[in-house]
Amino acid sequence: MDHPECGEFSGWRIPDSIGGAEGHQYDQRGATRKLAPELKSLGATVVLVDGPNLVDEAQAATGGADIVYGIDSVGGETFSRMLQTLCFGGTLASYGLLSMQQPSLDLSKVIFNDIRVKGF
């Protein structure tokens, strides 16, 4: 293949959840918007809110740079959109299902872009 594999530890990472482990139900998108300034003060370079335009917004926010690693605790459509943001050779790790929705897995993206999906 003539696609360069993205660097194992270089590039951008994209986590999809803040908080939530305490079992509280809340509007994840609203919480993210509200906490964006605090997350940036703690070192977040960019804070995005999940939605149908996540892939385009992530590419715009990173200047088209490789997103090498995704960390998913939400599942459902969020998992599927995060998978679409990853570069060739990227990894998506999943450790939760806060949305209580099973994600769909785009096998063509996984196979032809050498994406790794891991659980922990």
N, C-alpha and C. Protein backbone atom coordinates (compact mmCIF):
# COMPACT_ATOMS: atom_id res chain seq x y z
N MET A 1 0.84 -1.19 0.00
CA MET A 1 0.00 0.00 0.00
C MET A 1 0.88 1.24 0.00
N ASP A 2 0.42 2.28 -0.63
CA ASP A 2 1.21 3.49 -0.70
C ASP A 2 0.77 4.55 0.31
N HIS A 3 -0.01 4.16 1.28
CA HIS A 3 -0.44 5.09 2.33
C HIS A 3 0.54 5.03 3.49
N PRO A 4 1.05 6.16 3.92
CA PRO A 4 1.93 6.12 5.09
C PRO A 4 1.11 5.86 6.35
N GLU A 5 1.64 5.01 7.21
CA GLU A 5 0.95 4.76 8.48
C GLU A 5 1.18 5.94 9.40
N CYS A 6 0.13 6.37 10.09
CA CYS A 6 0.31 7.51 10.98
C CYS A 6 1.19 7.11 12.15
N GLY A 7 1.91 8.08 12.67
CA GLY A 7 2.86 7.83 13.75
C GLY A 7 2.19 7.25 14.98
N GLU A 8 2.84 6.30 15.60
CA GLU A 8 2.24 5.62 16.75
C GLU A 8 1.96 6.57 17.90
N PHE A 9 2.85 7.50 18.16
CA PHE A 9 2.63 8.42 19.27
C PHE A 9 2.67 9.88 18.86
N SER A 10 2.70 10.15 17.57
CA SER A 10 2.66 11.53 17.12
C SER A 10 1.28 11.81 16.55
N GLY A 11 0.91 13.04 16.44
CA GLY A 11 -0.40 13.39 15.90
C GLY A 11 -1.41 13.66 16.98
N TRP A 12 -2.65 13.78 16.57
CA TRP A 12 -3.75 14.16 17.45
C TRP A 12 -4.44 12.94 18.02
N ARG A 13 -5.02 13.13 19.23
CA ARG A 13 -5.87 12.12 19.86
C ARG A 13 -7.25 12.73 20.03
N ILE A 14 -8.29 11.88 19.98
CA ILE A 14 -9.66 12.37 20.10
C ILE A 14 -10.44 11.52 21.10
N PRO A 15 -10.58 11.97 22.36
CA PRO A 15 -11.45 11.28 23.30
C PRO A 15 -12.88 11.78 23.11
N ASP A 16 -13.86 10.98 23.51
CA ASP A 16 -15.24 11.39 23.26
C ASP A 16 -16.07 11.65 24.50
N SER A 17 -15.48 11.63 25.67
CA SER A 17 -16.32 11.75 26.85
C SER A 17 -15.59 12.52 27.94
N ILE A 18 -16.37 13.28 28.69
CA ILE A 18 -15.86 13.90 29.90
C ILE A 18 -16.78 13.48 31.02
N GLY A 19 -16.23 13.15 32.14
CA GLY A 19 -17.07 12.72 33.26
C GLY A 19 -17.88 11.50 32.89
N GLY A 20 -19.06 11.39 33.44
CA GLY A 20 -19.97 10.33 33.07
C GLY A 20 -19.79 9.05 33.88
N ALA A 21 -18.63 8.82 34.42
CA ALA A 21 -18.39 7.56 35.12
C ALA A 21 -19.14 7.48 36.44
N GLU A 22 -19.62 8.60 36.92
CA GLU A 22 -20.32 8.60 38.20
C GLU A 22 -21.75 8.08 38.07
N GLY A 23 -22.21 7.79 36.86
CA GLY A 23 -23.54 7.27 36.66
C GLY A 23 -24.59 8.35 36.48
N HIS A 24 -24.19 9.62 36.44
CA HIS A 24 -25.14 10.70 36.24
C HIS A 24 -25.55 10.76 34.78
N GLN A 25 -26.82 11.01 34.55
CA GLN A 25 -27.27 11.22 33.18
C GLN A 25 -27.39 12.71 32.95
N TYR A 26 -26.81 13.17 31.88
CA TYR A 26 -26.88 14.59 31.55
C TYR A 26 -26.67 14.75 30.06
N ASP A 27 -26.93 15.93 29.58
CA ASP A 27 -26.73 16.24 28.17
C ASP A 27 -25.24 16.34 27.91
N GLN A 28 -24.67 15.30 27.33
CA GLN A 28 -23.22 15.25 27.09
C GLN A 28 -22.76 16.45 26.27
N ARG A 29 -23.54 16.82 25.25
CA ARG A 29 -23.13 17.94 24.41
C ARG A 29 -23.16 19.24 25.18
N GLY A 30 -24.18 19.43 25.99
CA GLY A 30 -24.27 20.65 26.79
C GLY A 30 -23.15 20.73 27.82
N ALA A 31 -22.83 19.57 28.43
CA ALA A 31 -21.75 19.54 29.41
C ALA A 31 -20.42 19.88 28.75
N THR A 32 -20.20 19.37 27.55
CA THR A 32 -18.95 19.64 26.85
C THR A 32 -18.83 21.13 26.52
N ARG A 33 -19.91 21.71 26.02
CA ARG A 33 -19.89 23.14 25.70
C ARG A 33 -19.58 23.97 26.96
N LYS A 34 -20.23 23.61 28.05
CA LYS A 34 -20.07 24.36 29.29
C LYS A 34 -18.66 24.24 29.84
N LEU A 35 -18.05 23.07 29.70
CA LEU A 35 -16.73 22.82 30.27
C LEU A 35 -15.58 23.12 29.31
N ALA A 36 -15.88 23.54 28.10
CA ALA A 36 -14.83 23.79 27.11
C ALA A 36 -13.74 24.72 27.62
N PRO A 37 -14.08 25.87 28.24
CA PRO A 37 -13.01 26.75 28.73
C PRO A 37 -12.12 26.07 29.78
N GLU A 38 -12.73 25.30 30.68
CA GLU A 38 -11.95 24.61 31.70
C GLU A 38 -11.06 23.54 31.08
N LEU A 39 -11.60 22.79 30.11
CA LEU A 39 -10.80 21.77 29.45
C LEU A 39 -9.60 22.38 28.74
N LYS A 40 -9.81 23.53 28.11
CA LYS A 40 -8.69 24.21 27.45
C LYS A 40 -7.67 24.70 28.46
N SER A 41 -8.14 25.18 29.62
CA SER A 41 -7.20 25.65 30.64
C SER A 41 -6.38 24.48 31.20
N LEU A 42 -6.90 23.27 31.10
CA LEU A 42 -6.19 22.08 31.58
C LEU A 42 -5.27 21.48 30.51
N GLY A 43 -5.31 22.08 29.30
CA GLY A 43 -4.38 21.61 28.27
C GLY A 43 -5.01 21.09 27.01
N ALA A 44 -6.34 21.00 26.93
CA ALA A 44 -6.96 20.55 25.68
C ALA A 44 -6.66 21.57 24.59
N THR A 45 -6.22 21.11 23.45
CA THR A 45 -5.91 22.00 22.34
C THR A 45 -7.19 22.45 21.66
N VAL A 46 -8.12 21.52 21.46
CA VAL A 46 -9.39 21.79 20.79
C VAL A 46 -10.47 21.05 21.55
N VAL A 47 -11.65 21.64 21.69
CA VAL A 47 -12.80 20.96 22.28
C VAL A 47 -13.91 21.00 21.23
N LEU A 48 -14.31 19.81 20.78
CA LEU A 48 -15.39 19.68 19.80
C LEU A 48 -16.57 19.00 20.47
N VAL A 49 -17.76 19.26 19.94
CA VAL A 49 -18.97 18.63 20.43
C VAL A 49 -19.44 17.65 19.36
N ASP A 50 -19.71 16.42 19.75
CA ASP A 50 -20.12 15.39 18.79
C ASP A 50 -21.40 15.79 18.08
N GLY A 51 -21.48 15.43 16.84
CA GLY A 51 -22.65 15.68 16.02
C GLY A 51 -22.38 15.20 14.61
N PRO A 52 -23.33 15.38 13.71
CA PRO A 52 -23.19 14.85 12.35
C PRO A 52 -22.00 15.43 11.58
N ASN A 53 -21.46 16.57 11.99
CA ASN A 53 -20.34 17.18 11.29
C ASN A 53 -19.00 16.96 11.98
N LEU A 54 -18.92 15.99 12.90
CA LEU A 54 -17.71 15.78 13.68
C LEU A 54 -16.47 15.58 12.80
N VAL A 55 -16.59 14.79 11.76
CA VAL A 55 -15.43 14.49 10.91
C VAL A 55 -14.88 15.77 10.29
N ASP A 56 -15.77 16.58 9.70
CA ASP A 56 -15.33 17.83 9.08
C ASP A 56 -14.78 18.81 10.11
N GLU A 57 -15.43 18.89 11.27
CA GLU A 57 -14.98 19.80 12.31
C GLU A 57 -13.60 19.38 12.86
N ALA A 58 -13.40 18.07 13.01
CA ALA A 58 -12.11 17.59 13.50
C ALA A 58 -11.01 17.89 12.50
N GLN A 59 -11.29 17.69 11.22
CA GLN A 59 -10.29 17.99 10.20
C GLN A 59 -9.97 19.48 10.16
N ALA A 60 -11.00 20.31 10.28
CA ALA A 60 -10.78 21.76 10.28
C ALA A 60 -9.98 22.19 11.52
N ALA A 61 -10.32 21.62 12.66
CA ALA A 61 -9.66 22.01 13.92
C ALA A 61 -8.20 21.60 13.96
N THR A 62 -7.86 20.51 13.29
CA THR A 62 -6.48 20.03 13.30
C THR A 62 -5.70 20.48 12.08
N GLY A 63 -6.33 21.24 11.21
CA GLY A 63 -5.66 21.66 9.98
C GLY A 63 -5.40 20.48 9.07
N GLY A 64 -6.23 19.45 9.17
CA GLY A 64 -6.06 18.26 8.33
C GLY A 64 -4.99 17.30 8.82
N ALA A 65 -4.45 17.56 10.02
CA ALA A 65 -3.41 16.67 10.57
C ALA A 65 -4.00 15.30 10.92
N ASP A 66 -3.13 14.31 10.99
CA ASP A 66 -3.56 12.96 11.34
C ASP A 66 -4.13 12.93 12.75
N ILE A 67 -5.25 12.25 12.89
CA ILE A 67 -5.78 11.91 14.21
C ILE A 67 -5.47 10.43 14.36
N VAL A 68 -4.58 10.12 15.28
CA VAL A 68 -4.01 8.78 15.36
C VAL A 68 -4.72 7.86 16.35
N TYR A 69 -5.44 8.45 17.31
CA TYR A 69 -5.99 7.63 18.37
C TYR A 69 -7.32 8.19 18.83
N GLY A 70 -8.32 7.35 18.92
CA GLY A 70 -9.62 7.72 19.47
C GLY A 70 -9.89 6.91 20.72
N ILE A 71 -10.54 7.53 21.69
CA ILE A 71 -10.91 6.84 22.93
C ILE A 71 -12.41 7.03 23.12
N ASP A 72 -13.15 5.94 23.05
CA ASP A 72 -14.60 6.00 23.05
C ASP A 72 -15.20 5.39 24.30
N SER A 73 -16.10 6.13 24.93
CA SER A 73 -16.86 5.56 26.05
C SER A 73 -18.36 5.73 25.82
N VAL A 74 -18.74 6.27 24.68
CA VAL A 74 -20.14 6.58 24.40
C VAL A 74 -20.82 5.51 23.57
N GLY A 75 -20.13 4.99 22.55
CA GLY A 75 -20.73 3.99 21.67
C GLY A 75 -21.66 4.62 20.65
N GLY A 76 -22.54 3.82 20.06
CA GLY A 76 -23.53 4.31 19.11
C GLY A 76 -22.91 5.08 17.95
N GLU A 77 -23.60 6.14 17.53
CA GLU A 77 -23.15 6.94 16.39
C GLU A 77 -21.84 7.66 16.69
N THR A 78 -21.59 7.99 17.95
CA THR A 78 -20.33 8.67 18.31
C THR A 78 -19.14 7.79 17.96
N PHE A 79 -19.20 6.51 18.30
CA PHE A 79 -18.15 5.55 17.95
C PHE A 79 -17.92 5.56 16.45
N SER A 80 -19.00 5.47 15.69
CA SER A 80 -18.91 5.41 14.23
C SER A 80 -18.29 6.67 13.65
N ARG A 81 -18.66 7.83 14.16
CA ARG A 81 -18.09 9.09 13.66
C ARG A 81 -16.61 9.20 14.05
N MET A 82 -16.27 8.77 15.26
CA MET A 82 -14.87 8.82 15.68
C MET A 82 -14.01 7.94 14.78
N LEU A 83 -14.52 6.78 14.42
CA LEU A 83 -13.80 5.89 13.51
C LEU A 83 -13.47 6.61 12.21
N GLN A 84 -14.41 7.42 11.73
CA GLN A 84 -14.21 8.14 10.46
C GLN A 84 -13.16 9.24 10.56
N THR A 85 -12.85 9.70 11.77
CA THR A 85 -11.86 10.78 11.92
C THR A 85 -10.42 10.27 11.87
N LEU A 86 -10.22 8.97 12.05
CA LEU A 86 -8.87 8.44 12.22
C LEU A 86 -8.09 8.33 10.90
N CYS A 87 -6.78 8.51 11.01
CA CYS A 87 -5.89 8.38 9.86
C CYS A 87 -5.62 6.92 9.56
N PHE A 88 -4.98 6.67 8.43
CA PHE A 88 -4.55 5.34 8.05
C PHE A 88 -3.65 4.79 9.16
N GLY A 89 -3.98 3.59 9.64
CA GLY A 89 -3.19 2.98 10.70
C GLY A 89 -3.57 3.43 12.10
N GLY A 90 -4.64 4.22 12.24
CA GLY A 90 -5.06 4.72 13.54
C GLY A 90 -5.68 3.64 14.41
N THR A 91 -5.96 4.01 15.66
CA THR A 91 -6.53 3.08 16.63
C THR A 91 -7.71 3.73 17.33
N LEU A 92 -8.80 2.97 17.50
CA LEU A 92 -9.95 3.42 18.28
C LEU A 92 -10.13 2.44 19.43
N ALA A 93 -9.96 2.93 20.65
CA ALA A 93 -10.14 2.11 21.85
C ALA A 93 -11.50 2.44 22.45
N SER A 94 -12.24 1.41 22.82
CA SER A 94 -13.57 1.60 23.39
C SER A 94 -13.62 0.97 24.78
N TYR A 95 -14.19 1.74 25.72
CA TYR A 95 -14.25 1.22 27.09
C TYR A 95 -15.60 1.46 27.75
N GLY A 96 -16.60 1.85 26.99
CA GLY A 96 -17.91 2.08 27.60
C GLY A 96 -19.00 2.16 26.57
N LEU A 97 -20.22 2.27 27.07
CA LEU A 97 -21.40 2.33 26.21
C LEU A 97 -22.42 3.27 26.86
N LEU A 98 -21.99 4.51 27.16
CA LEU A 98 -22.84 5.46 27.86
C LEU A 98 -24.15 5.74 27.13
N SER A 99 -24.14 5.69 25.80
CA SER A 99 -25.36 5.96 25.03
C SER A 99 -26.33 4.79 25.08
N MET A 100 -25.85 3.64 25.53
CA MET A 100 -26.64 2.39 25.53
C MET A 100 -27.06 2.00 24.12
N GLN A 101 -26.33 2.48 23.11
CA GLN A 101 -26.59 2.12 21.71
C GLN A 101 -25.37 1.40 21.16
N GLN A 102 -25.64 0.28 20.48
CA GLN A 102 -24.54 -0.45 19.85
C GLN A 102 -24.00 0.36 18.68
N PRO A 103 -22.69 0.45 18.56
CA PRO A 103 -22.12 1.16 17.41
C PRO A 103 -22.18 0.30 16.16
N SER A 104 -22.18 0.97 15.01
CA SER A 104 -22.01 0.22 13.76
C SER A 104 -20.54 0.34 13.39
N LEU A 105 -20.01 -0.71 12.84
CA LEU A 105 -18.60 -0.74 12.50
C LEU A 105 -18.46 -0.74 10.98
N ASP A 106 -17.85 0.30 10.43
CA ASP A 106 -17.62 0.41 9.00
C ASP A 106 -16.40 -0.43 8.65
N LEU A 107 -16.65 -1.69 8.26
CA LEU A 107 -15.54 -2.61 8.01
C LEU A 107 -14.66 -2.15 6.85
N SER A 108 -15.22 -1.46 5.86
CA SER A 108 -14.37 -0.98 4.76
C SER A 108 -13.35 0.02 5.28
N LYS A 109 -13.74 0.87 6.22
CA LYS A 109 -12.80 1.82 6.83
C LYS A 109 -11.73 1.08 7.63
N VAL A 110 -12.15 0.07 8.39
CA VAL A 110 -11.23 -0.70 9.21
C VAL A 110 -10.24 -1.46 8.33
N ILE A 111 -10.74 -2.15 7.32
CA ILE A 111 -9.89 -2.99 6.48
C ILE A 111 -8.96 -2.16 5.59
N PHE A 112 -9.53 -1.22 4.85
CA PHE A 112 -8.74 -0.51 3.84
C PHE A 112 -7.92 0.65 4.39
N ASN A 113 -8.17 1.04 5.64
CA ASN A 113 -7.36 2.09 6.27
C ASN A 113 -6.56 1.55 7.44
N ASP A 114 -6.54 0.22 7.57
CA ASP A 114 -5.74 -0.44 8.60
C ASP A 114 -6.02 0.15 9.99
N ILE A 115 -7.31 0.35 10.29
CA ILE A 115 -7.72 0.86 11.59
C ILE A 115 -7.80 -0.29 12.59
N ARG A 116 -7.31 -0.04 13.78
CA ARG A 116 -7.39 -1.02 14.85
C ARG A 116 -8.49 -0.60 15.84
N VAL A 117 -9.31 -1.56 16.20
CA VAL A 117 -10.36 -1.30 17.20
C VAL A 117 -10.04 -2.19 18.40
N LYS A 118 -9.89 -1.55 19.56
CA LYS A 118 -9.52 -2.29 20.78
C LYS A 118 -10.54 -2.03 21.89
N GLY A 119 -10.68 -2.95 22.75
CA GLY A 119 -11.50 -2.78 23.94
C GLY A 119 -10.64 -2.84 25.18
N PHE A 120 -11.10 -2.17 26.23
CA PHE A 120 -10.42 -2.31 27.52
C PHE A 120 -11.37 -1.91 28.63
